[in-house]
Amino acid sequence: MAAKDSPLKQFEIDPISNIELAGYNISFTNSSLSMLITVLAITLFLTLTVNTRSIIPSRMQLISELMYNFIAQLLSDTVGDNGKRYFPFVFSIFMFVLIGNMVGMIPYQFTFTSHIIVTFALAAVVFIGVTILGFVNHGIKFFTFFYIPGVPFYMHPLLIPIEVISYLSRPISLSVRLFANMLAGHTLLKVFAGFVVSMPFFTGVFPLAFIVALTGLEILIAFLQAYVFAILTCLYINDAYHLH
């Protein structure tokens, strides 16, 4: 349990409504609320911008179209024509991570992407889905993904285990990257916020200025991490189709 004034206090999961079902704790928590707010925000934003289509788009409609075209182009560049059918999946992940990161930037809101259990669950869905896709497309031939062509045969006993470990570590690297960046950034913001409160006015201006700059950087990182999650998902889908 983090101390009251600890920078890690903001990451504690607190139940809002205690619920138990068949001996399992399925309480509605601040993390659940943050996810719900994220889903509602995405749904409301996309619904309003799609329903108000016009030849001269509004700012909100323009942002919506930019996001749509961004993911569509990303899939086209990485997967090709086969990527069109996976647009809803990749777009949903991108928006969920992006808006979830942005919701976490709002004061007193919970950042659910700073928890490894959430990011690993997202990464596991991508990993399992891509693996199933690989077997559907190639059958048993999918195992040739771990065989590197053009390498001397005596190197394969060493390289194949490395390739297998690298493949199995995908959900770990994908989840830890997002979790660690959000955790570190929000912790740093909290630390410097404590400096502003505890220091005299004139000296407190400097950490305050740093907080403003760091907040801008965190917003950039929020988008960047959503982009990285989306593009790696696209690359994994491409591997499931084209192998090596």
C-alpha atoms as a PDB file:
ATOM      1  CA  MET A   1       0.000   0.000   0.000  1.00  0.00           C
ATOM      2  CA  ALA A   2       1.456   3.350  -1.073  1.00  0.00           C
ATOM      3  CA  ALA A   3       1.801   6.169   1.459  1.00  0.00           C
ATOM      4  CA  LYS A   4      -0.769   8.950   1.351  1.00  0.00           C
ATOM      5  CA  ASP A   5       1.534  11.468  -0.369  1.00  0.00           C
ATOM      6  CA  SER A   6       3.455   8.892  -2.401  1.00  0.00           C
ATOM      7  CA  PRO A   7       3.660   9.450  -6.197  1.00  0.00           C
ATOM      8  CA  LEU A   8       2.502   5.827  -6.536  1.00  0.00           C
ATOM      9  CA  LYS A   9      -0.753   6.528  -4.693  1.00  0.00           C
ATOM     10  CA  GLN A  10      -2.372   7.559  -7.993  1.00  0.00           C
ATOM     11  CA  PHE A  11      -1.971   4.007  -9.345  1.00  0.00           C
ATOM     12  CA  GLU A  12      -3.881   2.274  -6.555  1.00  0.00           C
ATOM     13  CA  ILE A  13      -7.047   0.469  -7.624  1.00  0.00           C
ATOM     14  CA  ASP A  14      -9.924   1.386  -5.300  1.00  0.00           C
ATOM     15  CA  PRO A  15     -13.333  -0.298  -5.411  1.00  0.00           C
ATOM     16  CA  ILE A  16     -16.290   1.969  -6.102  1.00  0.00           C
ATOM     17  CA  SER A  17     -18.866  -0.783  -5.693  1.00  0.00           C
ATOM     18  CA  ASN A  18     -18.000  -4.081  -4.000  1.00  0.00           C
ATOM     19  CA  ILE A  19     -19.402  -7.036  -5.943  1.00  0.00           C
ATOM     20  CA  GLU A  20     -18.755 -10.741  -5.388  1.00  0.00           C
ATOM     21  CA  LEU A  21     -19.989 -13.491  -7.681  1.00  0.00           C
ATOM     22  CA  ALA A  22     -19.462 -17.209  -6.936  1.00  0.00           C
ATOM     23  CA  GLY A  23     -16.603 -16.337  -4.596  1.00  0.00           C
ATOM     24  CA  TYR A  24     -14.885 -14.033  -7.114  1.00  0.00           C
ATOM     25  CA  ASN A  25     -14.358 -10.332  -6.555  1.00  0.00           C
ATOM     26  CA  ILE A  26     -15.718  -8.503  -9.609  1.00  0.00           C
ATOM     27  CA  SER A  27     -15.988  -5.093  -7.961  1.00  0.00           C
ATOM     28  CA  PHE A  28     -16.463  -1.974 -10.069  1.00  0.00           C
ATOM     29  CA  THR A  29     -13.268   0.026  -9.483  1.00  0.00           C
ATOM     30  CA  ASN A  30     -11.740   3.359 -10.448  1.00  0.00           C
ATOM     31  CA  SER A  31      -9.918   1.485 -13.208  1.00  0.00           C
ATOM     32  CA  SER A  32     -13.230   0.098 -14.497  1.00  0.00           C
ATOM     33  CA  LEU A  33     -14.743   3.584 -14.385  1.00  0.00           C
ATOM     34  CA  SER A  34     -11.820   5.009 -16.369  1.00  0.00           C
ATOM     35  CA  MET A  35     -12.219   2.314 -19.015  1.00  0.00           C
ATOM     36  CA  LEU A  36     -15.959   2.960 -19.188  1.00  0.00           C
ATOM     37  CA  ILE A  37     -15.370   6.696 -19.601  1.00  0.00           C
ATOM     38  CA  THR A  38     -12.868   5.932 -22.371  1.00  0.00           C
ATOM     39  CA  VAL A  39     -15.289   3.680 -24.273  1.00  0.00           C
ATOM     40  CA  LEU A  40     -18.148   6.188 -23.883  1.00  0.00           C
ATOM     41  CA  ALA A  41     -15.907   9.066 -25.022  1.00  0.00           C
ATOM     42  CA  ILE A  42     -14.800   7.140 -28.133  1.00  0.00           C
ATOM     43  CA  THR A  43     -18.376   6.083 -28.937  1.00  0.00           C
ATOM     44  CA  LEU A  44     -19.765   9.594 -28.466  1.00  0.00           C
ATOM     45  CA  PHE A  45     -16.952  11.231 -30.428  1.00  0.00           C
ATOM     46  CA  LEU A  46     -17.174   8.893 -33.429  1.00  0.00           C
ATOM     47  CA  THR A  47     -20.991   8.854 -33.436  1.00  0.00           C
ATOM     48  CA  LEU A  48     -21.291  12.637 -33.448  1.00  0.00           C
ATOM     49  CA  THR A  49     -18.577  13.150 -36.072  1.00  0.00           C
ATOM     50  CA  VAL A  50     -19.996  10.471 -38.399  1.00  0.00           C
ATOM     51  CA  ASN A  51     -23.612  11.611 -38.080  1.00  0.00           C
ATOM     52  CA  THR A  52     -22.714  15.212 -38.922  1.00  0.00           C
ATOM     53  CA  ARG A  53     -20.813  14.518 -42.131  1.00  0.00           C
ATOM     54  CA  SER A  54     -20.506  17.556 -44.373  1.00  0.00           C
ATOM     55  CA  ILE A  55     -18.580  18.606 -47.467  1.00  0.00           C
ATOM     56  CA  ILE A  56     -16.740  21.182 -45.390  1.00  0.00           C
ATOM     57  CA  PRO A  57     -15.831  19.198 -42.258  1.00  0.00           C
ATOM     58  CA  SER A  58     -15.861  20.642 -38.792  1.00  0.00           C
ATOM     59  CA  ARG A  59     -12.762  20.395 -36.625  1.00  0.00           C
ATOM     60  CA  MET A  60     -14.089  17.336 -34.815  1.00  0.00           C
ATOM     61  CA  GLN A  61     -15.063  15.634 -38.072  1.00  0.00           C
ATOM     62  CA  LEU A  62     -11.641  16.433 -39.503  1.00  0.00           C
ATOM     63  CA  ILE A  63      -9.919  14.829 -36.483  1.00  0.00           C
ATOM     64  CA  SER A  64     -12.133  11.739 -36.850  1.00  0.00           C
ATOM     65  CA  GLU A  65     -11.317  11.434 -40.562  1.00  0.00           C
ATOM     66  CA  LEU A  66      -7.612  11.935 -39.906  1.00  0.00           C
ATOM     67  CA  MET A  67      -7.606   9.086 -37.377  1.00  0.00           C
ATOM     68  CA  TYR A  68      -9.541   6.847 -39.767  1.00  0.00           C
ATOM     69  CA  ASN A  69      -7.181   7.575 -42.670  1.00  0.00           C
ATOM     70  CA  PHE A  70      -4.148   7.230 -40.411  1.00  0.00           C
ATOM     71  CA  ILE A  71      -4.978   3.646 -39.390  1.00  0.00           C
ATOM     72  CA  ALA A  72      -6.208   2.738 -42.888  1.00  0.00           C
ATOM     73  CA  GLN A  73      -2.916   3.930 -44.395  1.00  0.00           C
ATOM     74  CA  LEU A  74      -0.939   2.183 -41.666  1.00  0.00           C
ATOM     75  CA  LEU A  75      -2.591  -1.154 -42.472  1.00  0.00           C
ATOM     76  CA  SER A  76      -2.165  -0.592 -46.194  1.00  0.00           C
ATOM     77  CA  ASP A  77       1.561   0.143 -45.837  1.00  0.00           C
ATOM     78  CA  THR A  78       2.343  -2.760 -43.488  1.00  0.00           C
ATOM     79  CA  VAL A  79      -0.085  -5.535 -44.460  1.00  0.00           C
ATOM     80  CA  GLY A  80      -1.315  -4.590 -47.921  1.00  0.00           C
ATOM     81  CA  ASP A  81      -4.776  -5.334 -49.300  1.00  0.00           C
ATOM     82  CA  ASN A  82      -5.262  -8.125 -46.732  1.00  0.00           C
ATOM     83  CA  GLY A  83      -5.123  -5.533 -43.974  1.00  0.00           C
ATOM     84  CA  LYS A  84      -8.473  -3.927 -44.818  1.00  0.00           C
ATOM     85  CA  ARG A  85     -10.463  -6.638 -43.034  1.00  0.00           C
ATOM     86  CA  TYR A  86      -8.549  -5.979 -39.785  1.00  0.00           C
ATOM     87  CA  PHE A  87      -9.205  -2.232 -39.775  1.00  0.00           C
ATOM     88  CA  PRO A  88     -11.956  -2.370 -37.077  1.00  0.00           C
ATOM     89  CA  PHE A  89      -9.694  -4.380 -34.764  1.00  0.00           C
ATOM     90  CA  VAL A  90      -6.585  -2.187 -35.135  1.00  0.00           C
ATOM     91  CA  PHE A  91      -8.611   1.040 -35.081  1.00  0.00           C
ATOM     92  CA  SER A  92     -10.389  -0.043 -31.881  1.00  0.00           C
ATOM     93  CA  ILE A  93      -7.100  -0.854 -30.142  1.00  0.00           C
ATOM     94  CA  PHE A  94      -5.522   2.416 -31.290  1.00  0.00           C
ATOM     95  CA  MET A  95      -8.447   4.524 -30.086  1.00  0.00           C
ATOM     96  CA  PHE A  96      -8.789   2.641 -26.786  1.00  0.00           C
ATOM     97  CA  VAL A  97      -5.110   3.094 -25.929  1.00  0.00           C
ATOM     98  CA  LEU A  98      -4.953   6.697 -27.173  1.00  0.00           C
ATOM     99  CA  ILE A  99      -8.100   7.965 -25.454  1.00  0.00           C
ATOM    100  CA  GLY A 100      -7.279   5.916 -22.349  1.00  0.00           C
ATOM    101  CA  ASN A 101      -3.906   7.660 -22.185  1.00  0.00           C
ATOM    102  CA  MET A 102      -5.550  11.053 -22.701  1.00  0.00           C
ATOM    103  CA  VAL A 103      -8.207  10.419 -20.048  1.00  0.00           C
ATOM    104  CA  GLY A 104      -5.365   9.639 -17.649  1.00  0.00           C
ATOM    105  CA  MET A 105      -3.961  13.112 -18.292  1.00  0.00           C
ATOM    106  CA  ILE A 106      -7.069  14.719 -16.802  1.00  0.00           C
ATOM    107  CA  PRO A 107      -6.492  15.656 -13.125  1.00  0.00           C
ATOM    108  CA  TYR A 108      -7.921  13.119 -10.645  1.00  0.00           C
ATOM    109  CA  GLN A 109      -8.612  10.586 -13.401  1.00  0.00           C
ATOM    110  CA  PHE A 110      -7.179   7.076 -13.272  1.00  0.00           C
ATOM    111  CA  THR A 111      -4.671   5.956 -15.910  1.00  0.00           C
ATOM    112  CA  PHE A 112      -5.542   2.313 -16.578  1.00  0.00           C
ATOM    113  CA  THR A 113      -2.786   1.970 -19.186  1.00  0.00           C
ATOM    114  CA  SER A 114      -0.272   2.358 -16.349  1.00  0.00           C
ATOM    115  CA  HIS A 115      -1.232  -1.136 -15.088  1.00  0.00           C
ATOM    116  CA  ILE A 116       0.552  -4.129 -16.576  1.00  0.00           C
ATOM    117  CA  ILE A 117      -2.531  -6.346 -16.191  1.00  0.00           C
ATOM    118  CA  VAL A 118      -4.466  -4.124 -18.612  1.00  0.00           C
ATOM    119  CA  THR A 119      -1.709  -3.670 -21.178  1.00  0.00           C
ATOM    120  CA  PHE A 120      -0.803  -7.371 -21.036  1.00  0.00           C
ATOM    121  CA  ALA A 121      -4.443  -8.332 -21.613  1.00  0.00           C
ATOM    122  CA  LEU A 122      -4.502  -6.144 -24.737  1.00  0.00           C
ATOM    123  CA  ALA A 123      -1.177  -7.553 -25.917  1.00  0.00           C
ATOM    124  CA  ALA A 124      -2.338 -11.129 -25.241  1.00  0.00           C
ATOM    125  CA  VAL A 125      -5.446 -10.600 -27.383  1.00  0.00           C
ATOM    126  CA  VAL A 126      -3.224  -9.381 -30.234  1.00  0.00           C
ATOM    127  CA  PHE A 127      -0.719 -12.225 -29.783  1.00  0.00           C
ATOM    128  CA  ILE A 128      -3.310 -15.019 -29.595  1.00  0.00           C
ATOM    129  CA  GLY A 129      -5.311 -13.575 -32.478  1.00  0.00           C
ATOM    130  CA  VAL A 130      -2.261 -13.223 -34.732  1.00  0.00           C
ATOM    131  CA  THR A 131      -1.059 -16.747 -33.873  1.00  0.00           C
ATOM    132  CA  ILE A 132      -4.478 -18.215 -34.744  1.00  0.00           C
ATOM    133  CA  LEU A 133      -4.444 -16.176 -37.953  1.00  0.00           C
ATOM    134  CA  GLY A 134      -1.035 -17.604 -38.847  1.00  0.00           C
ATOM    135  CA  PHE A 135      -2.230 -21.192 -38.424  1.00  0.00           C
ATOM    136  CA  VAL A 136      -5.442 -20.490 -40.351  1.00  0.00           C
ATOM    137  CA  ASN A 137      -3.468 -19.073 -43.281  1.00  0.00           C
ATOM    138  CA  HIS A 138      -0.565 -21.544 -43.344  1.00  0.00           C
ATOM    139  CA  GLY A 139      -1.483 -24.537 -41.199  1.00  0.00           C
ATOM    140  CA  ILE A 140       1.519 -26.492 -39.947  1.00  0.00           C
ATOM    141  CA  LYS A 141       3.690 -24.486 -42.339  1.00  0.00           C
ATOM    142  CA  PHE A 142       3.380 -21.584 -39.890  1.00  0.00           C
ATOM    143  CA  PHE A 143       6.214 -23.182 -37.891  1.00  0.00           C
ATOM    144  CA  THR A 144       8.575 -22.261 -40.770  1.00  0.00           C
ATOM    145  CA  PHE A 145       8.288 -18.727 -39.378  1.00  0.00           C
ATOM    146  CA  PHE A 146      11.003 -19.750 -36.908  1.00  0.00           C
ATOM    147  CA  TYR A 147      13.238 -21.054 -39.715  1.00  0.00           C
ATOM    148  CA  ILE A 148      15.551 -18.388 -41.133  1.00  0.00           C
ATOM    149  CA  PRO A 149      16.244 -19.035 -44.841  1.00  0.00           C
ATOM    150  CA  GLY A 150      19.774 -18.669 -46.131  1.00  0.00           C
ATOM    151  CA  VAL A 151      21.397 -19.547 -42.801  1.00  0.00           C
ATOM    152  CA  PRO A 152      23.789 -22.545 -42.609  1.00  0.00           C
ATOM    153  CA  PHE A 153      21.966 -25.624 -41.286  1.00  0.00           C
ATOM    154  CA  TYR A 154      24.318 -26.020 -38.330  1.00  0.00           C
ATOM    155  CA  MET A 155      23.192 -22.599 -37.021  1.00  0.00           C
ATOM    156  CA  HIS A 156      19.526 -23.573 -36.822  1.00  0.00           C
ATOM    157  CA  PRO A 157      19.750 -25.422 -33.444  1.00  0.00           C
ATOM    158  CA  LEU A 158      20.881 -22.097 -31.986  1.00  0.00           C
ATOM    159  CA  LEU A 159      18.737 -19.667 -33.983  1.00  0.00           C
ATOM    160  CA  ILE A 160      15.394 -21.491 -33.906  1.00  0.00           C
ATOM    161  CA  PRO A 161      15.113 -21.386 -30.065  1.00  0.00           C
ATOM    162  CA  ILE A 162      16.045 -17.699 -30.194  1.00  0.00           C
ATOM    163  CA  GLU A 163      13.305 -17.079 -32.767  1.00  0.00           C
ATOM    164  CA  VAL A 164      10.769 -18.989 -30.649  1.00  0.00           C
ATOM    165  CA  ILE A 165      11.690 -17.027 -27.508  1.00  0.00           C
ATOM    166  CA  SER A 166      11.537 -13.784 -29.476  1.00  0.00           C
ATOM    167  CA  TYR A 167       8.061 -14.662 -30.749  1.00  0.00           C
ATOM    168  CA  LEU A 168       6.759 -15.668 -27.315  1.00  0.00           C
ATOM    169  CA  SER A 169       8.118 -12.455 -25.788  1.00  0.00           C
ATOM    170  CA  ARG A 170       6.000 -10.280 -28.094  1.00  0.00           C
ATOM    171  CA  PRO A 171       3.100  -9.788 -25.654  1.00  0.00           C
ATOM    172  CA  ILE A 172       5.580  -9.014 -22.857  1.00  0.00           C
ATOM    173  CA  SER A 173       7.487  -6.363 -24.809  1.00  0.00           C
ATOM    174  CA  LEU A 174       4.263  -4.897 -26.227  1.00  0.00           C
ATOM    175  CA  SER A 175       2.626  -4.568 -22.826  1.00  0.00           C
ATOM    176  CA  VAL A 176       5.664  -3.482 -20.801  1.00  0.00           C
ATOM    177  CA  ARG A 177       6.503  -0.701 -23.273  1.00  0.00           C
ATOM    178  CA  LEU A 178       3.109   0.963 -22.820  1.00  0.00           C
ATOM    179  CA  PHE A 179       2.816   0.280 -19.089  1.00  0.00           C
ATOM    180  CA  ALA A 180       6.337   1.499 -18.248  1.00  0.00           C
ATOM    181  CA  ASN A 181       6.071   4.734 -20.225  1.00  0.00           C
ATOM    182  CA  MET A 182       2.755   5.730 -18.691  1.00  0.00           C
ATOM    183  CA  LEU A 183       3.829   4.716 -15.183  1.00  0.00           C
ATOM    184  CA  ALA A 184       7.133   6.609 -15.354  1.00  0.00           C
ATOM    185  CA  GLY A 185       5.624   9.742 -16.893  1.00  0.00           C
ATOM    186  CA  HIS A 186       2.801  10.097 -14.392  1.00  0.00           C
ATOM    187  CA  THR A 187       5.114   9.346 -11.477  1.00  0.00           C
ATOM    188  CA  LEU A 188       7.489  12.090 -12.624  1.00  0.00           C
ATOM    189  CA  LEU A 189       4.611  14.551 -12.937  1.00  0.00           C
ATOM    190  CA  LYS A 190       3.490  13.751  -9.401  1.00  0.00           C
ATOM    191  CA  VAL A 191       7.007  14.163  -8.009  1.00  0.00           C
ATOM    192  CA  PHE A 192       7.458  17.623  -9.531  1.00  0.00           C
ATOM    193  CA  ALA A 193       3.942  18.609  -8.465  1.00  0.00           C
ATOM    194  CA  GLY A 194       5.036  17.850  -4.898  1.00  0.00           C
ATOM    195  CA  PHE A 195       8.017  20.174  -5.364  1.00  0.00           C
ATOM    196  CA  VAL A 196       5.721  23.013  -6.473  1.00  0.00           C
ATOM    197  CA  VAL A 197       3.559  22.669  -3.360  1.00  0.00           C
ATOM    198  CA  SER A 198       6.413  22.334  -0.875  1.00  0.00           C
ATOM    199  CA  MET A 199       8.761  25.041  -2.232  1.00  0.00           C
ATOM    200  CA  PRO A 200       8.475  28.826  -1.776  1.00  0.00           C
ATOM    201  CA  PHE A 201       6.694  30.781  -4.521  1.00  0.00           C
ATOM    202  CA  PHE A 202       9.732  32.120  -6.377  1.00  0.00           C
ATOM    203  CA  THR A 203      11.650  28.839  -6.410  1.00  0.00           C
ATOM    204  CA  GLY A 204       8.468  26.836  -7.078  1.00  0.00           C
ATOM    205  CA  VAL A 205       8.057  28.554 -10.446  1.00  0.00           C
ATOM    206  CA  PHE A 206      10.848  26.428 -11.933  1.00  0.00           C
ATOM    207  CA  PRO A 207       9.326  23.001 -11.202  1.00  0.00           C
ATOM    208  CA  LEU A 208       5.957  24.426 -12.301  1.00  0.00           C
ATOM    209  CA  ALA A 209       7.420  25.393 -15.666  1.00  0.00           C
ATOM    210  CA  PHE A 210       8.941  21.933 -15.924  1.00  0.00           C
ATOM    211  CA  ILE A 211       5.539  20.368 -15.185  1.00  0.00           C
ATOM    212  CA  VAL A 212       3.966  22.337 -18.042  1.00  0.00           C
ATOM    213  CA  ALA A 213       6.680  21.139 -20.435  1.00  0.00           C
ATOM    214  CA  LEU A 214       6.468  17.596 -19.094  1.00  0.00           C
ATOM    215  CA  THR A 215       2.687  17.570 -19.541  1.00  0.00           C
ATOM    216  CA  GLY A 216       3.145  18.461 -23.201  1.00  0.00           C
ATOM    217  CA  LEU A 217       5.683  15.670 -23.514  1.00  0.00           C
ATOM    218  CA  GLU A 218       3.308  13.206 -21.829  1.00  0.00           C
ATOM    219  CA  ILE A 219       0.553  14.074 -24.305  1.00  0.00           C
ATOM    220  CA  LEU A 220       3.007  13.401 -27.138  1.00  0.00           C
ATOM    221  CA  ILE A 221       4.031  10.098 -25.529  1.00  0.00           C
ATOM    222  CA  ALA A 222       0.354   9.160 -25.103  1.00  0.00           C
ATOM    223  CA  PHE A 223      -0.122   9.411 -28.866  1.00  0.00           C
ATOM    224  CA  LEU A 224       3.237   7.816 -29.630  1.00  0.00           C
ATOM    225  CA  GLN A 225       2.527   4.764 -27.462  1.00  0.00           C
ATOM    226  CA  ALA A 226      -0.874   4.264 -29.103  1.00  0.00           C
ATOM    227  CA  TYR A 227       0.845   4.518 -32.491  1.00  0.00           C
ATOM    228  CA  VAL A 228       3.548   1.999 -31.501  1.00  0.00           C
ATOM    229  CA  PHE A 229       0.911  -0.434 -30.210  1.00  0.00           C
ATOM    230  CA  ALA A 230      -1.048  -0.108 -33.462  1.00  0.00           C
ATOM    231  CA  ILE A 231       1.904  -0.407 -35.842  1.00  0.00           C
ATOM    232  CA  LEU A 232       3.322  -3.441 -34.037  1.00  0.00           C
ATOM    233  CA  THR A 233      -0.105  -5.060 -34.255  1.00  0.00           C
ATOM    234  CA  CYS A 234      -0.071  -4.378 -38.005  1.00  0.00           C
ATOM    235  CA  LEU A 235       3.422  -5.854 -38.341  1.00  0.00           C
ATOM    236  CA  TYR A 236       2.379  -8.981 -36.437  1.00  0.00           C
ATOM    237  CA  ILE A 237      -0.624  -9.378 -38.760  1.00  0.00           C
ATOM    238  CA  ASN A 238       1.737  -8.999 -41.720  1.00  0.00           C
ATOM    239  CA  ASP A 239       3.962 -11.778 -40.292  1.00  0.00           C
ATOM    240  CA  ALA A 240       0.912 -14.047 -40.008  1.00  0.00           C
ATOM    241  CA  TYR A 241       0.305 -13.624 -43.722  1.00  0.00           C
ATOM    242  CA  HIS A 242       3.760 -13.500 -45.231  1.00  0.00           C
ATOM    243  CA  LEU A 243       6.009 -15.305 -42.706  1.00  0.00           C
ATOM    244  CA  HIS A 244       9.636 -14.634 -43.700  1.00  0.00           C
END
